[in-house]
N, C-alpha and C. Protein backbone atom coordinates (compact mmCIF):
# COMPACT_ATOMS: atom_id res chain seq x y z
N MET A 1 106.01 176.79 -297.50
CA MET A 1 105.21 177.16 -298.09
C MET A 1 106.27 178.36 -299.32
N LEU A 2 106.90 179.05 -298.26
CA LEU A 2 108.20 179.82 -298.99
C LEU A 2 108.89 178.83 -299.68
N ALA A 3 109.63 177.65 -299.33
CA ALA A 3 110.52 176.68 -299.89
C ALA A 3 109.82 176.63 -301.33
N LEU A 4 108.68 176.32 -301.24
CA LEU A 4 107.54 175.92 -303.05
C LEU A 4 107.41 177.05 -303.27
N ILE A 5 107.08 178.40 -302.91
CA ILE A 5 107.46 179.38 -303.76
C ILE A 5 108.52 179.54 -304.57
N CYS A 6 109.90 180.44 -303.60
CA CYS A 6 110.96 179.61 -303.96
C CYS A 6 111.85 178.64 -305.33
N TRP A 7 110.68 177.29 -305.00
CA TRP A 7 111.49 176.65 -306.22
C TRP A 7 110.27 176.85 -307.56
N LEU A 8 109.76 177.41 -307.07
CA LEU A 8 109.00 177.45 -308.21
C LEU A 8 109.55 178.78 -308.92
N VAL A 9 110.10 179.92 -307.92
CA VAL A 9 110.47 180.92 -309.29
C VAL A 9 112.60 180.02 -309.69
N VAL A 10 112.40 179.63 -308.93
CA VAL A 10 114.31 178.92 -309.42
C VAL A 10 113.90 178.53 -310.88
N GLU A 11 112.24 177.36 -310.95
CA GLU A 11 112.57 176.70 -312.04
C GLU A 11 112.34 177.39 -313.42
N ILE A 12 110.88 178.42 -313.04
CA ILE A 12 110.56 179.41 -313.94
C ILE A 12 111.75 180.21 -314.66
N PHE A 13 112.88 180.74 -313.61
CA PHE A 13 114.22 180.99 -314.14
C PHE A 13 114.57 180.59 -314.82
N VAL A 14 115.13 179.27 -315.07
CA VAL A 14 115.63 178.39 -314.94
C VAL A 14 115.12 178.31 -316.53
N ALA A 15 113.70 178.27 -316.91
CA ALA A 15 113.12 177.59 -317.59
C ALA A 15 113.76 178.93 -319.11
N ILE A 16 113.48 179.89 -318.68
CA ILE A 16 113.55 181.27 -319.59
C ILE A 16 114.50 181.00 -319.64
N LEU A 17 115.96 180.90 -319.11
CA LEU A 17 117.13 180.75 -319.52
C LEU A 17 117.48 179.98 -320.47
N VAL A 18 117.09 178.10 -320.70
CA VAL A 18 116.99 177.79 -321.13
C VAL A 18 115.80 177.51 -322.74
N ALA A 19 115.88 178.93 -322.49
CA ALA A 19 114.20 179.13 -323.33
C ALA A 19 115.07 179.88 -324.39
N HIS A 20 116.09 181.10 -323.62
CA HIS A 20 117.09 181.71 -324.18
C HIS A 20 117.81 181.07 -325.16
N VAL A 21 118.58 179.97 -324.23
CA VAL A 21 119.24 179.23 -325.47
C VAL A 21 118.98 178.67 -326.44
N ILE A 22 118.00 177.88 -326.76
CA ILE A 22 117.59 176.85 -327.21
C ILE A 22 116.06 177.58 -328.59
N GLY A 23 115.24 178.17 -327.80
CA GLY A 23 114.13 179.19 -328.36
C GLY A 23 113.12 177.82 -327.43
N ALA A 24 112.10 178.84 -327.20
CA ALA A 24 110.54 178.71 -326.70
C ALA A 24 109.78 177.21 -327.28
N LEU A 25 110.10 176.48 -328.85
CA LEU A 25 109.56 175.23 -328.58
C LEU A 25 109.82 174.38 -328.01
N LEU A 26 111.35 174.21 -328.38
CA LEU A 26 112.04 172.99 -327.87
C LEU A 26 112.30 173.31 -326.51
N THR A 27 112.10 174.29 -325.72
CA THR A 27 111.83 174.82 -324.35
C THR A 27 110.41 173.73 -323.67
N VAL A 28 109.52 174.10 -324.48
CA VAL A 28 108.31 172.90 -324.28
C VAL A 28 108.20 171.46 -324.42
N LEU A 29 108.93 171.33 -325.70
CA LEU A 29 109.19 169.96 -325.95
C LEU A 29 109.47 168.96 -324.27
N LEU A 30 110.91 170.07 -324.27
CA LEU A 30 112.03 168.98 -323.25
C LEU A 30 111.12 168.76 -322.58
N LEU A 31 110.15 170.17 -321.65
CA LEU A 31 109.16 169.66 -320.52
C LEU A 31 108.94 169.03 -320.58
N LEU A 32 107.14 168.98 -321.60
CA LEU A 32 106.61 167.92 -321.61
C LEU A 32 107.24 166.46 -321.67
N ALA A 33 108.12 166.12 -322.48
CA ALA A 33 109.18 164.76 -322.53
C ALA A 33 109.13 164.35 -321.22
N GLY A 34 109.41 165.00 -319.76
CA GLY A 34 109.75 164.17 -318.87
C GLY A 34 108.24 163.30 -318.11
N LEU A 35 107.23 163.70 -318.92
CA LEU A 35 105.92 162.98 -318.64
C LEU A 35 106.01 161.60 -318.38
N PRO A 36 106.02 161.10 -320.11
CA PRO A 36 106.13 159.58 -320.18
C PRO A 36 107.75 159.31 -319.88
N LEU A 37 109.30 160.23 -320.05
CA LEU A 37 109.66 159.61 -319.11
C LEU A 37 109.70 159.33 -317.91
N GLY A 38 109.13 159.87 -317.34
CA GLY A 38 108.87 159.70 -315.84
C GLY A 38 108.24 157.98 -315.41
N ALA A 39 107.35 158.20 -316.22
CA ALA A 39 105.73 157.34 -315.73
C ALA A 39 106.87 156.29 -316.75
N TRP A 40 107.36 156.23 -317.18
CA TRP A 40 108.67 155.07 -318.08
C TRP A 40 109.40 154.36 -317.01
N ALA A 41 110.03 155.04 -316.29
CA ALA A 41 111.36 155.04 -315.05
C ALA A 41 110.67 154.62 -314.12
N ILE A 42 109.65 155.03 -313.94
CA ILE A 42 108.72 154.65 -312.55
C ILE A 42 108.21 153.78 -313.13
N ARG A 43 107.34 152.90 -313.83
CA ARG A 43 107.58 151.50 -314.09
C ARG A 43 107.95 150.77 -314.57
N SER A 44 108.99 150.59 -315.27
CA SER A 44 110.06 149.27 -315.47
C SER A 44 111.10 150.20 -314.35
N GLU A 45 111.97 150.38 -313.65
CA GLU A 45 112.70 150.49 -312.53
C GLU A 45 111.84 150.05 -310.95
N GLY A 46 110.44 150.27 -311.04
CA GLY A 46 109.55 149.88 -309.63
C GLY A 46 109.53 148.18 -309.92
N ARG A 47 108.90 148.22 -311.27
CA ARG A 47 109.36 146.69 -311.18
C ARG A 47 111.08 145.73 -310.69
N LEU A 48 111.51 146.30 -310.89
CA LEU A 48 112.73 146.10 -311.03
C LEU A 48 112.94 146.36 -309.15
N ALA A 49 112.80 146.62 -308.47
CA ALA A 49 112.48 146.94 -307.34
C ALA A 49 112.03 146.01 -306.86
N TRP A 50 110.76 146.55 -306.72
CA TRP A 50 109.81 145.69 -306.30
C TRP A 50 110.40 143.84 -306.44
N ARG A 51 110.82 143.39 -307.45
CA ARG A 51 111.22 142.02 -307.57
C ARG A 51 112.36 142.10 -306.36
N ARG A 52 113.64 143.02 -306.44
CA ARG A 52 114.51 142.60 -305.75
C ARG A 52 113.97 142.30 -304.10
N LEU A 53 113.29 143.29 -303.81
CA LEU A 53 112.42 143.53 -303.00
C LEU A 53 111.33 141.75 -302.30
N SER A 54 111.10 141.53 -303.06
CA SER A 54 110.64 139.38 -302.67
C SER A 54 111.38 138.67 -303.62
N ASP A 55 112.89 139.66 -303.94
CA ASP A 55 114.12 137.98 -303.38
C ASP A 55 114.74 138.24 -301.98
N SER A 56 114.60 139.61 -301.52
CA SER A 56 115.27 139.28 -300.20
C SER A 56 114.65 138.77 -298.84
N LEU A 57 112.72 139.20 -300.25
CA LEU A 57 111.66 138.58 -298.51
C LEU A 57 111.75 136.89 -298.76
N ALA A 58 112.38 136.67 -299.38
CA ALA A 58 112.10 135.20 -300.09
C ALA A 58 113.07 134.59 -299.52
N ALA A 59 114.87 135.12 -299.45
CA ALA A 59 115.83 134.69 -298.78
C ALA A 59 116.28 134.75 -297.88
N GLY A 60 115.05 135.64 -296.79
CA GLY A 60 115.29 135.51 -295.73
C GLY A 60 116.00 136.79 -294.86
N ARG A 61 116.43 138.35 -295.98
CA ARG A 61 117.09 139.09 -295.72
C ARG A 61 115.97 140.07 -295.50
N PRO A 62 116.82 141.42 -294.33
CA PRO A 62 115.87 142.39 -294.04
C PRO A 62 115.54 143.18 -295.75
N PRO A 63 114.51 143.69 -296.00
CA PRO A 63 114.16 144.35 -297.35
C PRO A 63 114.42 145.94 -296.89
N GLY A 64 115.44 146.09 -296.61
CA GLY A 64 116.23 147.60 -296.23
C GLY A 64 116.39 148.40 -297.36
N TYR A 65 117.38 147.77 -297.67
CA TYR A 65 117.92 148.67 -298.65
C TYR A 65 117.21 148.57 -300.47
N PRO A 66 116.08 147.50 -300.63
CA PRO A 66 115.44 147.22 -301.61
C PRO A 66 114.74 148.17 -301.57
N VAL A 67 113.48 148.03 -300.03
CA VAL A 67 112.48 148.62 -300.43
C VAL A 67 112.94 150.65 -300.03
N LEU A 68 113.68 150.78 -299.67
CA LEU A 68 114.56 152.39 -299.68
C LEU A 68 115.27 152.61 -301.19
N ASN A 69 115.75 151.32 -302.32
CA ASN A 69 116.19 151.70 -303.29
C ASN A 69 114.64 151.87 -304.53
N GLY A 70 113.64 151.56 -304.21
CA GLY A 70 112.47 152.03 -304.95
C GLY A 70 112.06 152.79 -304.71
N ALA A 71 111.76 153.18 -303.35
CA ALA A 71 110.73 154.49 -302.87
C ALA A 71 112.43 156.08 -303.86
N LEU A 72 113.26 155.08 -303.27
CA LEU A 72 113.86 156.85 -304.32
C LEU A 72 113.91 156.60 -305.73
N VAL A 73 113.82 155.73 -306.97
CA VAL A 73 113.17 155.32 -307.92
C VAL A 73 111.81 155.89 -308.29
N VAL A 74 110.74 155.58 -307.57
CA VAL A 74 109.59 156.50 -307.37
C VAL A 74 109.53 157.16 -307.22
N ALA A 75 110.63 158.10 -305.97
CA ALA A 75 110.41 159.53 -305.93
C ALA A 75 111.18 160.37 -307.57
N GLY A 76 112.69 159.76 -307.65
CA GLY A 76 112.85 160.37 -308.82
C GLY A 76 111.87 159.96 -310.22
N GLY A 77 111.14 159.10 -310.90
CA GLY A 77 110.32 159.23 -311.79
C GLY A 77 109.45 160.36 -311.61
N ALA A 78 108.44 160.22 -310.31
CA ALA A 78 107.92 161.53 -310.12
C ALA A 78 108.31 162.90 -310.22
N LEU A 79 109.83 163.04 -309.60
CA LEU A 79 110.29 164.07 -310.17
C LEU A 79 110.59 164.60 -311.44
N VAL A 80 110.76 163.43 -312.31
CA VAL A 80 111.13 163.97 -314.10
C VAL A 80 109.77 164.82 -314.13
N MET A 81 108.68 163.31 -313.85
CA MET A 81 107.38 163.97 -314.60
C MET A 81 106.72 165.36 -314.54
N ILE A 82 107.50 165.80 -312.80
CA ILE A 82 107.15 166.97 -312.72
C ILE A 82 107.59 168.48 -314.03
N PRO A 83 106.62 169.20 -314.51
CA PRO A 83 107.89 170.35 -315.71
C PRO A 83 108.62 170.80 -314.90
N GLY A 84 109.57 170.91 -315.19
CA GLY A 84 110.34 171.73 -314.32
C GLY A 84 112.14 171.25 -314.73
N PHE A 85 112.78 171.57 -315.27
CA PHE A 85 114.39 170.81 -315.05
C PHE A 85 115.68 171.05 -314.24
N VAL A 86 114.89 171.70 -312.95
CA VAL A 86 115.76 171.33 -311.89
C VAL A 86 115.60 170.10 -311.30
N THR A 87 113.34 169.31 -310.97
CA THR A 87 113.14 169.14 -310.86
C THR A 87 113.58 167.57 -312.08
N ASP A 88 114.39 168.32 -312.90
CA ASP A 88 114.64 167.65 -313.46
C ASP A 88 116.00 166.23 -313.70
N VAL A 89 116.48 167.62 -313.03
CA VAL A 89 118.19 166.87 -312.68
C VAL A 89 117.60 166.05 -311.26
N LEU A 90 116.67 166.75 -310.54
CA LEU A 90 117.00 165.91 -309.16
C LEU A 90 116.25 164.70 -309.44
N GLY A 91 115.44 164.13 -310.32
CA GLY A 91 114.64 163.80 -310.57
C GLY A 91 116.01 162.35 -311.57
N VAL A 92 116.30 162.81 -312.41
CA VAL A 92 117.05 161.59 -313.00
C VAL A 92 118.80 161.42 -311.99
N CYS A 93 119.24 162.12 -311.25
CA CYS A 93 120.36 161.47 -310.27
C CYS A 93 120.01 160.68 -309.53
N LEU A 94 118.19 160.33 -308.98
CA LEU A 94 118.13 159.85 -308.32
C LEU A 94 117.80 158.18 -308.43
N LEU A 95 117.05 158.33 -310.03
CA LEU A 95 117.52 157.01 -311.13
C LEU A 95 118.62 156.56 -311.48
N LEU A 96 119.42 157.21 -311.56
CA LEU A 96 121.16 156.79 -311.74
C LEU A 96 121.55 156.13 -310.58
N PRO A 97 121.59 154.88 -310.61
CA PRO A 97 122.44 154.51 -309.49
C PRO A 97 123.52 155.22 -309.03
N PRO A 98 124.51 155.73 -309.56
CA PRO A 98 125.55 155.33 -308.37
C PRO A 98 125.07 157.18 -307.65
N THR A 99 124.71 158.43 -308.44
CA THR A 99 123.84 159.13 -307.57
C THR A 99 122.57 158.53 -306.40
N ARG A 100 122.06 157.45 -306.88
CA ARG A 100 120.90 157.06 -305.75
C ARG A 100 121.09 156.29 -304.73
N ARG A 101 122.77 155.87 -304.99
CA ARG A 101 123.67 155.35 -303.74
C ARG A 101 123.53 156.38 -302.89
N LEU A 102 124.42 156.98 -302.81
CA LEU A 102 124.67 158.78 -302.74
C LEU A 102 123.54 158.98 -302.27
N ALA A 103 122.84 159.39 -303.01
CA ALA A 103 121.23 159.93 -302.03
C ALA A 103 121.09 159.00 -300.86
N ARG A 104 121.29 157.39 -300.84
CA ARG A 104 120.89 156.78 -300.58
C ARG A 104 121.52 156.97 -298.94
N GLY A 105 123.03 156.98 -298.94
CA GLY A 105 123.56 156.58 -297.80
C GLY A 105 123.50 158.36 -297.18
N LEU A 106 123.11 159.11 -297.68
CA LEU A 106 122.34 160.73 -296.94
C LEU A 106 121.57 160.67 -296.30
N LEU A 107 120.47 159.70 -296.80
CA LEU A 107 119.53 159.72 -296.20
C LEU A 107 119.35 158.49 -295.60
N VAL A 108 120.16 157.53 -295.20
CA VAL A 108 120.08 156.61 -293.86
C VAL A 108 121.11 157.33 -293.02
N ALA A 109 121.85 157.72 -293.12
CA ALA A 109 122.43 158.69 -292.11
C ALA A 109 121.79 159.53 -292.38
N HIS A 110 120.63 160.44 -292.07
CA HIS A 110 120.01 161.25 -291.84
C HIS A 110 118.47 160.64 -290.44
N LEU A 111 118.26 159.51 -291.66
CA LEU A 111 117.43 158.67 -290.46
C LEU A 111 117.97 158.19 -289.45
N GLN A 112 119.41 157.94 -289.14
CA GLN A 112 119.92 156.81 -288.17
C GLN A 112 119.71 157.82 -286.80
N SER A 113 120.43 159.29 -287.83
CA SER A 113 120.86 160.20 -286.51
C SER A 113 119.20 160.66 -285.71
N ARG A 114 118.28 161.05 -286.99
CA ARG A 114 117.22 161.48 -285.74
C ARG A 114 116.36 160.16 -284.55
N LEU A 115 116.64 158.96 -285.42
CA LEU A 115 115.62 157.43 -284.42
C LEU A 115 117.14 157.71 -283.54
N LEU A 116 118.40 157.35 -283.56
CA LEU A 116 119.08 157.88 -282.45
C LEU A 116 118.93 159.26 -281.60
N ARG A 117 118.47 160.30 -282.07
CA ARG A 117 118.07 161.40 -281.37
C ARG A 117 116.29 160.99 -280.35
N ARG A 118 115.84 160.91 -281.37
CA ARG A 118 114.34 160.47 -280.07
C ARG A 118 114.65 159.48 -279.25
N ALA A 119 114.64 158.54 -279.54
CA ALA A 119 115.42 157.92 -278.72
C ALA A 119 116.20 157.31 -277.34
N THR A 120 117.85 158.90 -277.75
CA THR A 120 117.34 159.67 -276.21
C THR A 120 117.13 159.97 -275.87
N GLU A 121 116.46 160.78 -276.19
CA GLU A 121 115.82 162.17 -275.88
C GLU A 121 114.38 161.47 -274.90
N SER A 122 113.49 160.39 -275.30
CA SER A 122 112.24 159.94 -274.71
C SER A 122 113.22 158.92 -273.65
N ARG A 123 114.99 158.69 -273.71
CA ARG A 123 115.26 158.42 -272.30
C ARG A 123 115.37 158.89 -271.39
N ARG A 124 115.58 160.20 -271.55
CA ARG A 124 116.06 161.17 -270.61
C ARG A 124 114.56 161.89 -270.23
N ALA A 125 113.97 162.07 -270.48
CA ALA A 125 112.21 162.61 -270.71
C ALA A 125 111.65 161.11 -268.89
N ARG A 126 112.49 160.29 -269.30
CA ARG A 126 111.39 159.34 -268.53
C ARG A 126 113.01 159.19 -267.31
N ALA A 127 114.07 159.59 -267.06
CA ALA A 127 114.66 159.17 -266.54
C ALA A 127 114.61 160.23 -265.05
N ASP A 128 115.23 159.78 -263.27
CA ASP A 128 114.62 159.93 -262.85
C ASP A 128 116.19 160.90 -261.89
N VAL A 129 116.06 161.83 -262.90
CA VAL A 129 116.88 162.50 -262.86
C VAL A 129 117.20 163.40 -260.79
N ASP A 130 116.41 163.83 -260.55
CA ASP A 130 116.25 164.13 -259.04
C ASP A 130 116.63 163.49 -258.26
N SER A 131 116.48 161.80 -257.93
CA SER A 131 116.51 161.01 -257.42
C SER A 131 115.29 160.80 -255.97
N THR A 132 113.76 161.03 -256.87
CA THR A 132 112.84 161.17 -256.14
C THR A 132 112.20 160.10 -255.65
N ALA A 133 112.27 158.56 -256.42
CA ALA A 133 112.05 157.80 -256.61
C ALA A 133 112.14 157.36 -255.09
N THR A 134 110.90 156.12 -254.47
CA THR A 134 111.04 155.88 -253.46
C THR A 134 110.36 154.40 -253.33
N ASP A 135 110.71 153.88 -252.53
CA ASP A 135 110.52 151.72 -252.65
C ASP A 135 108.57 152.01 -252.48
N ILE A 136 108.36 150.89 -252.62
CA ILE A 136 106.96 150.91 -251.83
C ILE A 136 106.96 149.16 -251.87
N ALA A 137 106.37 149.20 -250.32
CA ALA A 137 106.63 147.80 -249.87
C ALA A 137 105.38 146.71 -250.51
N PRO A 138 105.95 145.45 -251.18
CA PRO A 138 104.74 144.99 -252.45
C PRO A 138 104.45 144.02 -251.39
N THR A 139 102.67 144.57 -251.92
CA THR A 139 101.74 144.24 -251.49
C THR A 139 101.03 142.44 -251.77
N ARG A 140 100.51 141.95 -250.92
CA ARG A 140 99.89 140.63 -250.79
C ARG A 140 99.01 140.31 -252.03
N LEU A 141 98.93 139.26 -252.85
CA LEU A 141 97.45 139.30 -253.20
C LEU A 141 96.03 138.61 -253.06
N PRO A 142 95.24 138.09 -252.92
CA PRO A 142 94.71 137.47 -252.33
C PRO A 142 95.01 135.91 -253.32
N ARG A 143 94.77 134.61 -252.29
CA ARG A 143 94.90 133.51 -253.06
C ARG A 143 93.47 133.37 -253.81
């Protein structure tokens, strides 16, 4: 909740700074221009990402990167649609292929480390560290 409030304060602060530089009317127009731009980005880039996903599935390749690219494009378009200059910059960064590739690399590294951490934690929890396990004589099942 605190992060959301801080985000809102930063967005308002940046909007006020931009309004002082270019004027209030132009600032409002720029904030409203993000809505159709974000919708267009989601529609056009989303179709391309969906097509890439379908092609990779048809070729028998794992669809990891096409799905992740599509998700980042949708996230970028959604961020552009939200009024605010900071979210617009982050959204455009996710829509541009070079910065999206960087974000994808960071996201994959983060997800891999979380997956590895979870896998090792669950193994550690099941391990018999104190060597308390005992063998049981197998029982014969009736025929």
